[in-house]
Amino acid sequence: MRQLQSKSCRRWCMTTMHLVQRTNGLCRRTEMHSQGSCEFRPRILIDVSKIDMTTTVLGFKISMPIMIAPTAMQKMAHPEGEYATARAASAAGTIMTLSSWATSSVEEVASTGPGIRFFQLYVYRDRNVVAQLVRRAERAGFKAIALTVDTPRLGRREADIKNRFTLPPFLTLKNFEGLDLGKMDQADDSGLASYVAGQIDRTLSWKDVQWLQTITKLPILVKGVLTAEDTRIAIQAGAAGIIVSNHGARQLDYVPATIMALEEVVKAAQGRVPVFLDGGVRRGTDVFKALALGASGIFIGRPVVFSLAAEGEAGVRKVLSMLREEFELTMALSGCRSLKEITREHIVTEWDSPHRRPLPRL
């Protein structure tokens, strides 16, 4: 995956927000560092000649618990952008989540062929725009709404400010074409920050989760939850699932890595709704850790963008295949033949109480 990332950076001529990982080490550590704080407790002498990685998400069967997170403006990475990602996800038998700020519309992505797709939603000040967008996603065959709740304001993305990030003139936010909201103006700092400040509704609250349920029959996943308190409120508000996410560690400094927040959220959910992890996954072993901590599946973002930039659709297919193979191998070497056999007893974390940790060697 590092090779794909390196190749994508060499080939990527324009500056994009996804390259923040190169310029903000703290951001990168906050997202990822704690994946290494889990150690495995493999079981042995179990017949692992057959491994079943299939699972069901909101009633839809997929080939593996590895799904694609929403990442914006993918045509900045590759000319085919979201088209390529959609085809790769469909070929892998998994779910793609399309960003509100995609450079391909919901209708265009739907036209790439069959596939299970979710739609990520930002709530704009103009609720008519939101309602139109949700209905278009529903008509286009999208199966769920992933409501992003951690962005009433955009975090201070210093790379974007330094580079005066904006969309190049030949691209638009396709879902908003015709609504006078598809273009992003130049700004003295970040064009994206200015766009968010002018369009995204800072009054967004739990009442809006309930309002969304009145305008669509699609299940709503609440994306951006990091605490037990918000998990319980989300369930009370009618959320069909929770996505543990820190927005790629680009919103608020010093929030926990997603893997560290996951178990708190899982315990608060008490099995009432599925909990997913979004962020920090770079290997199949990371997928195993998340499932052992109670996640029903994981979403990947940056690996998709890097592989898309490097090799287009073939790159996204490759990264999904790599993660699948690594995850399957991890299951086999841990003695797990199906996802239900992955349990909390298969890992030890740095935050476990002393009695759970193995005794040191003498």
Protein backbone atom coordinates (compact mmCIF):
# COMPACT_ATOMS: atom_id res chain seq x y z
CA MET A 1 0.00 0.00 0.00
CA ARG A 2 2.94 2.33 0.66
CA GLN A 3 4.10 1.71 -2.91
CA LEU A 4 0.68 2.71 -4.23
CA GLN A 5 0.74 5.82 -2.05
CA SER A 6 4.22 6.76 -3.23
CA LYS A 7 3.29 6.17 -6.85
CA SER A 8 0.12 8.23 -6.49
CA CYS A 9 2.05 11.12 -4.97
CA ARG A 10 4.55 11.10 -7.84
CA ARG A 11 1.80 11.07 -10.46
CA TRP A 12 -0.51 13.49 -8.70
CA CYS A 13 0.37 16.87 -10.18
CA MET A 14 -2.21 19.07 -8.47
CA THR A 15 -2.35 19.77 -4.76
CA THR A 16 -5.29 18.11 -3.02
CA MET A 17 -6.69 17.92 0.46
CA HIS A 18 -6.02 14.18 0.53
CA LEU A 19 -2.28 14.85 0.63
CA VAL A 20 -2.61 16.36 4.10
CA GLN A 21 -1.13 13.10 5.32
CA ARG A 22 2.23 14.14 3.86
CA THR A 23 2.29 17.56 5.43
CA ASN A 24 0.73 17.06 8.82
CA GLY A 25 2.38 14.29 10.76
CA LEU A 26 0.34 14.93 13.89
CA CYS A 27 -2.85 14.48 11.92
CA ARG A 28 -1.59 11.17 10.57
CA ARG A 29 -0.55 9.88 13.98
CA THR A 30 -3.85 10.83 15.53
CA GLU A 31 -5.72 8.83 12.93
CA MET A 32 -3.55 5.74 12.89
CA HIS A 33 -0.99 5.28 15.64
CA SER A 34 -3.10 3.24 18.00
CA GLN A 35 -3.67 0.40 15.55
CA GLY A 36 -0.29 -0.87 16.76
CA SER A 37 -1.45 -0.94 20.37
CA CYS A 38 -3.40 -4.18 19.83
CA GLU A 39 -1.72 -7.56 20.04
CA PHE A 40 -3.16 -10.85 18.83
CA ARG A 41 -3.96 -13.96 20.86
CA PRO A 42 -4.22 -16.59 18.09
CA ARG A 43 -5.87 -19.96 18.62
CA ILE A 44 -4.24 -23.04 17.11
CA LEU A 45 -5.06 -26.51 15.77
CA ILE A 46 -8.33 -25.38 14.19
CA ASP A 47 -9.33 -26.49 10.68
CA VAL A 48 -9.07 -23.28 8.65
CA SER A 49 -9.20 -24.88 5.21
CA LYS A 50 -12.36 -22.86 4.54
CA ILE A 51 -12.68 -19.20 5.53
CA ASP A 52 -16.00 -17.35 5.18
CA MET A 53 -15.65 -13.55 5.13
CA THR A 54 -19.16 -12.75 3.92
CA THR A 55 -21.37 -10.55 6.04
CA THR A 56 -24.62 -8.60 5.95
CA VAL A 57 -24.83 -4.82 6.32
CA LEU A 58 -28.31 -3.32 6.79
CA GLY A 59 -29.72 -6.45 5.18
CA PHE A 60 -27.38 -6.43 2.16
CA LYS A 61 -24.96 -9.31 1.74
CA ILE A 62 -21.39 -8.37 0.85
CA SER A 63 -18.26 -10.41 0.24
CA MET A 64 -16.22 -9.02 3.12
CA PRO A 65 -16.52 -6.49 5.96
CA ILE A 66 -14.32 -4.02 4.09
CA MET A 67 -16.22 -1.13 2.49
CA ILE A 68 -15.36 2.16 0.82
CA ALA A 69 -15.74 5.38 2.79
CA PRO A 70 -16.89 8.65 1.23
CA THR A 71 -13.99 10.69 -0.12
CA ALA A 72 -14.68 13.90 -1.96
CA MET A 73 -13.60 15.16 -5.39
CA GLN A 74 -12.10 11.92 -6.69
CA LYS A 75 -11.59 13.26 -10.20
CA MET A 76 -8.77 15.31 -8.75
CA ALA A 77 -7.03 11.97 -8.25
CA HIS A 78 -7.94 10.33 -11.55
CA PRO A 79 -10.02 11.36 -14.58
CA GLU A 80 -12.53 8.56 -13.98
CA GLY A 81 -12.86 9.43 -10.30
CA GLU A 82 -15.96 8.01 -8.63
CA TYR A 83 -16.84 5.97 -11.74
CA ALA A 84 -13.70 3.88 -11.26
CA THR A 85 -14.25 3.49 -7.53
CA ALA A 86 -17.86 2.39 -8.04
CA ARG A 87 -16.89 -0.25 -10.59
CA ALA A 88 -14.09 -1.55 -8.38
CA ALA A 89 -16.37 -1.83 -5.35
CA SER A 90 -19.01 -3.65 -7.37
CA ALA A 91 -16.42 -6.09 -8.73
CA ALA A 92 -15.24 -6.79 -5.19
CA GLY A 93 -18.80 -7.39 -4.00
CA THR A 94 -18.70 -4.63 -1.42
CA ILE A 95 -20.27 -1.25 -0.63
CA MET A 96 -19.17 2.13 -1.95
CA THR A 97 -20.21 5.31 -0.16
CA LEU A 98 -20.48 8.33 -2.44
CA SER A 99 -19.59 11.73 -1.02
CA SER A 100 -21.97 14.69 -1.27
CA TRP A 101 -18.96 16.55 -2.64
CA ALA A 102 -18.25 14.05 -5.38
CA THR A 103 -17.15 15.12 -8.83
CA SER A 104 -19.67 12.63 -10.25
CA SER A 105 -23.38 12.81 -9.49
CA VAL A 106 -25.51 10.13 -7.86
CA GLU A 107 -27.12 9.44 -11.24
CA GLU A 108 -23.74 9.12 -13.00
CA VAL A 109 -22.41 6.70 -10.38
CA ALA A 110 -25.61 4.66 -10.57
CA SER A 111 -25.12 4.42 -14.35
CA THR A 112 -21.86 2.48 -13.91
CA GLY A 113 -23.87 -0.68 -13.28
CA PRO A 114 -25.21 -2.73 -10.38
CA GLY A 115 -23.79 -2.37 -6.91
CA ILE A 116 -24.69 -1.64 -3.29
CA ARG A 117 -24.07 2.04 -2.63
CA PHE A 118 -24.59 4.40 0.28
CA PHE A 119 -24.76 8.17 0.04
CA GLN A 120 -22.89 10.47 2.44
CA LEU A 121 -24.80 13.61 3.29
CA TYR A 122 -23.81 17.07 4.47
CA VAL A 123 -26.74 19.17 5.64
CA TYR A 124 -26.90 22.53 3.86
CA ARG A 125 -28.58 25.64 5.21
CA ASP A 126 -31.17 25.36 2.47
CA ARG A 127 -33.13 22.27 3.50
CA ASN A 128 -34.81 22.10 0.10
CA VAL A 129 -31.38 21.33 -1.35
CA VAL A 130 -30.93 18.54 1.20
CA ALA A 131 -34.35 17.07 0.50
CA GLN A 132 -33.75 17.13 -3.26
CA LEU A 133 -30.40 15.44 -2.86
CA VAL A 134 -31.74 12.67 -0.61
CA ARG A 135 -34.61 11.96 -2.99
CA ARG A 136 -32.24 11.83 -5.96
CA ALA A 137 -30.04 9.33 -4.14
CA GLU A 138 -33.09 7.23 -3.31
CA ARG A 139 -34.29 7.27 -6.92
CA ALA A 140 -30.79 6.34 -8.13
CA GLY A 141 -30.90 3.16 -6.05
CA PHE A 142 -28.68 4.12 -3.14
CA LYS A 143 -29.44 1.99 -0.10
CA ALA A 144 -28.60 4.17 2.92
CA ILE A 145 -27.69 7.69 4.00
CA ALA A 146 -24.45 8.25 5.92
CA LEU A 147 -25.07 11.54 7.70
CA THR A 148 -21.82 13.34 8.58
CA VAL A 149 -22.31 15.04 11.95
CA ASP A 150 -18.82 16.23 12.91
CA THR A 151 -18.54 19.18 10.51
CA PRO A 152 -20.64 22.15 11.63
CA ARG A 153 -17.46 24.02 10.76
CA LEU A 154 -14.43 22.82 8.86
CA GLY A 155 -11.37 22.00 10.95
CA ARG A 156 -8.22 24.06 10.49
CA ARG A 157 -6.58 22.23 7.60
CA GLU A 158 -3.27 24.00 7.36
CA ALA A 159 -2.18 22.32 4.15
CA ASP A 160 -5.36 23.53 2.45
CA ILE A 161 -4.76 27.06 3.76
CA LYS A 162 -1.14 27.06 2.64
CA ASN A 163 -2.04 25.78 -0.83
CA ARG A 164 -5.23 27.88 -1.12
CA PHE A 165 -7.07 24.69 -1.94
CA THR A 166 -9.99 24.87 -4.33
CA LEU A 167 -11.49 22.79 -7.10
CA PRO A 168 -9.79 23.23 -10.47
CA PRO A 169 -11.97 25.10 -12.99
CA PHE A 170 -12.70 21.99 -15.08
CA LEU A 171 -14.35 20.19 -12.13
CA THR A 172 -17.53 20.83 -10.15
CA LEU A 173 -19.37 19.31 -7.22
CA LYS A 174 -21.64 17.42 -9.59
CA ASN A 175 -24.50 16.79 -7.18
CA PHE A 176 -25.03 20.54 -6.91
CA GLU A 177 -24.83 21.53 -10.55
CA GLY A 178 -27.93 23.49 -11.49
CA LEU A 179 -28.36 24.62 -7.90
CA ASP A 180 -25.65 27.28 -8.14
CA LEU A 181 -23.67 25.40 -5.51
CA GLY A 182 -21.36 23.29 -7.67
CA LYS A 183 -18.43 25.71 -7.91
CA MET A 184 -15.88 26.54 -5.25
CA ASP A 185 -14.54 30.10 -5.36
CA GLN A 186 -10.92 31.08 -4.88
CA ALA A 187 -10.13 32.41 -1.39
CA ASP A 188 -7.22 33.97 0.46
CA ASP A 189 -6.87 30.79 2.53
CA SER A 190 -8.89 27.64 1.74
CA GLY A 191 -11.63 27.68 -0.84
CA LEU A 192 -13.15 24.61 0.78
CA ALA A 193 -13.27 26.30 4.19
CA SER A 194 -15.02 29.31 2.66
CA TYR A 195 -17.50 27.05 0.86
CA VAL A 196 -18.34 25.18 4.07
CA ALA A 197 -18.70 28.41 6.04
CA GLY A 198 -21.18 29.71 3.49
CA GLN A 199 -23.25 26.59 2.87
CA ILE A 200 -23.16 24.04 5.71
CA ASP A 201 -25.74 24.42 8.48
CA ARG A 202 -24.13 25.06 11.86
CA THR A 203 -27.47 24.59 13.60
CA LEU A 204 -27.51 20.87 12.76
CA SER A 205 -28.84 18.92 15.75
CA TRP A 206 -30.40 15.59 16.72
CA LYS A 207 -33.78 16.93 15.60
CA ASP A 208 -32.43 16.89 12.06
CA VAL A 209 -31.72 13.16 12.27
CA GLN A 210 -35.40 12.72 13.02
CA TRP A 211 -36.35 15.18 10.26
CA LEU A 212 -34.39 13.15 7.70
CA GLN A 213 -36.46 10.12 8.59
CA THR A 214 -39.58 12.02 7.55
CA ILE A 215 -38.29 12.66 4.02
CA THR A 216 -36.77 9.25 3.23
CA LYS A 217 -37.30 5.59 3.94
CA LEU A 218 -33.58 4.90 3.62
CA PRO A 219 -31.78 3.85 6.82
CA ILE A 220 -29.60 6.58 8.32
CA LEU A 221 -26.09 5.93 9.59
CA VAL A 222 -24.68 8.62 11.86
CA LYS A 223 -21.06 9.21 10.85
CA GLY A 224 -18.65 10.95 13.22
CA VAL A 225 -19.52 9.44 16.61
CA LEU A 226 -16.69 9.01 19.14
CA THR A 227 -18.41 8.76 22.53
CA ALA A 228 -20.85 6.54 24.40
CA GLU A 229 -23.08 9.51 25.17
CA ASP A 230 -23.63 10.38 21.52
CA THR A 231 -24.09 6.72 20.65
CA ARG A 232 -27.05 6.42 23.01
CA ILE A 233 -28.60 9.66 21.71
CA ALA A 234 -28.13 8.56 18.08
CA ILE A 235 -29.99 5.33 18.74
CA GLN A 236 -32.80 7.20 20.51
CA ALA A 237 -33.01 9.52 17.49
CA GLY A 238 -33.61 6.54 15.20
CA ALA A 239 -30.17 5.93 13.69
CA ALA A 240 -29.91 2.57 11.92
CA GLY A 241 -26.17 2.38 12.59
CA ILE A 242 -23.14 4.23 13.91
CA ILE A 243 -19.92 5.02 12.06
CA VAL A 244 -17.02 5.71 14.41
CA SER A 245 -15.00 8.36 12.60
CA ASN A 246 -12.71 11.28 13.36
CA HIS A 247 -12.96 12.57 9.77
CA GLY A 248 -9.50 11.33 8.89
CA ALA A 249 -8.14 13.25 11.91
CA ARG A 250 -8.67 16.50 10.00
CA GLN A 251 -11.37 18.09 12.12
CA LEU A 252 -10.41 18.37 15.79
CA ASP A 253 -6.88 17.82 17.09
CA TYR A 254 -6.39 15.42 20.00
CA VAL A 255 -9.50 13.35 19.44
CA PRO A 256 -8.78 9.64 19.88
CA ALA A 257 -7.81 7.40 17.02
CA THR A 258 -10.89 5.57 15.78
CA ILE A 259 -9.64 2.21 17.05
CA MET A 260 -9.39 3.67 20.56
CA ALA A 261 -12.92 5.10 20.48
CA LEU A 262 -14.49 2.02 18.94
CA GLU A 263 -15.02 -0.18 21.97
CA GLU A 264 -16.66 2.58 24.01
CA VAL A 265 -19.18 3.10 21.23
CA VAL A 266 -19.78 -0.64 20.77
CA LYS A 267 -20.50 -1.09 24.48
CA ALA A 268 -22.92 1.85 24.49
CA ALA A 269 -24.75 0.49 21.43
CA GLN A 270 -25.37 -2.82 23.25
CA GLY A 271 -26.05 -4.60 19.98
CA ARG A 272 -29.09 -2.44 19.18
CA VAL A 273 -27.54 -1.13 15.96
CA PRO A 274 -24.39 -2.09 14.03
CA VAL A 275 -21.23 -0.08 14.68
CA PHE A 276 -18.67 0.49 11.93
CA LEU A 277 -15.14 1.88 12.01
CA ASP A 278 -14.00 4.47 9.47
CA GLY A 279 -10.35 5.54 9.41
CA GLY A 280 -6.87 4.28 10.15
CA VAL A 281 -7.13 0.93 8.37
CA ARG A 282 -4.08 0.16 6.26
CA ARG A 283 -3.78 -3.65 6.55
CA GLY A 284 -5.97 -6.69 6.86
CA THR A 285 -4.74 -7.06 10.42
CA ASP A 286 -6.36 -3.69 11.19
CA VAL A 287 -9.69 -5.06 9.94
CA PHE A 288 -9.35 -8.02 12.30
CA LYS A 289 -8.62 -5.72 15.26
CA ALA A 290 -11.71 -3.65 14.55
CA LEU A 291 -13.98 -6.69 14.35
CA ALA A 292 -12.47 -8.13 17.52
CA LEU A 293 -13.37 -4.87 19.27
CA GLY A 294 -16.97 -5.21 18.13
CA ALA A 295 -17.20 -3.47 14.77
CA SER A 296 -19.58 -4.95 12.20
CA GLY A 297 -17.31 -3.76 9.40
CA ILE A 298 -14.84 -1.07 8.39
CA PHE A 299 -14.60 1.68 5.80
CA ILE A 300 -11.40 2.74 4.04
CA GLY A 301 -10.77 6.21 2.60
CA ARG A 302 -7.18 7.25 1.95
CA PRO A 303 -6.09 3.82 0.61
CA VAL A 304 -8.79 4.14 -2.06
CA VAL A 305 -7.73 7.65 -3.06
CA PHE A 306 -4.04 6.76 -3.22
CA SER A 307 -4.69 3.63 -5.28
CA LEU A 308 -7.11 5.52 -7.54
CA ALA A 309 -4.48 8.18 -8.21
CA ALA A 310 -1.83 5.56 -8.89
CA GLU A 311 -3.67 3.16 -11.17
CA GLY A 312 -7.32 4.17 -11.54
CA GLU A 313 -9.92 1.43 -11.27
CA ALA A 314 -7.22 -1.25 -11.35
CA GLY A 315 -5.57 0.39 -8.35
CA VAL A 316 -8.78 0.40 -6.31
CA ARG A 317 -9.38 -3.22 -7.21
CA LYS A 318 -5.84 -4.01 -6.14
CA VAL A 319 -6.12 -2.34 -2.74
CA LEU A 320 -9.42 -4.09 -2.01
CA SER A 321 -7.88 -7.41 -3.03
CA MET A 322 -4.80 -6.81 -0.88
CA LEU A 323 -6.86 -6.04 2.20
CA ARG A 324 -9.12 -9.01 1.57
CA GLU A 325 -6.19 -11.41 1.25
CA GLU A 326 -4.45 -10.01 4.34
CA PHE A 327 -7.65 -10.21 6.36
CA GLU A 328 -8.31 -13.79 5.26
CA LEU A 329 -4.77 -14.77 6.23
CA THR A 330 -5.12 -13.06 9.62
CA MET A 331 -8.35 -14.96 10.26
CA ALA A 332 -6.72 -18.27 9.35
CA LEU A 333 -3.64 -17.69 11.50
CA SER A 334 -5.87 -16.64 14.40
CA GLY A 335 -8.04 -19.75 14.12
CA CYS A 336 -11.20 -18.01 12.91
CA ARG A 337 -13.26 -19.58 10.14
CA SER A 338 -16.03 -16.99 10.04
CA LEU A 339 -16.57 -13.44 11.24
CA LYS A 340 -18.67 -14.59 14.20
CA GLU A 341 -15.66 -16.51 15.51
CA ILE A 342 -13.62 -13.30 15.84
CA THR A 343 -14.00 -12.28 19.49
CA ARG A 344 -12.55 -9.88 22.02
CA GLU A 345 -10.46 -12.77 23.35
CA HIS A 346 -8.40 -12.71 20.16
CA ILE A 347 -6.71 -9.41 21.02
CA VAL A 348 -5.12 -7.58 23.93
CA THR A 349 -4.95 -3.79 23.93
CA GLU A 350 -2.83 -1.28 25.79
CA TRP A 351 -5.94 -0.06 27.62
CA ASP A 352 -6.93 -3.48 28.93
CA SER A 353 -6.83 -4.02 32.68
CA PRO A 354 -3.70 -5.87 33.87
CA HIS A 355 -5.47 -9.18 34.41
CA ARG A 356 -6.37 -9.39 30.71
CA ARG A 357 -2.81 -8.89 29.52
CA PRO A 358 -0.50 -11.91 29.15
CA LEU A 359 2.15 -12.35 31.81
CA PRO A 360 5.62 -11.13 30.82
CA ARG A 361 8.25 -13.73 30.02
CA LEU A 362 10.78 -14.37 32.78
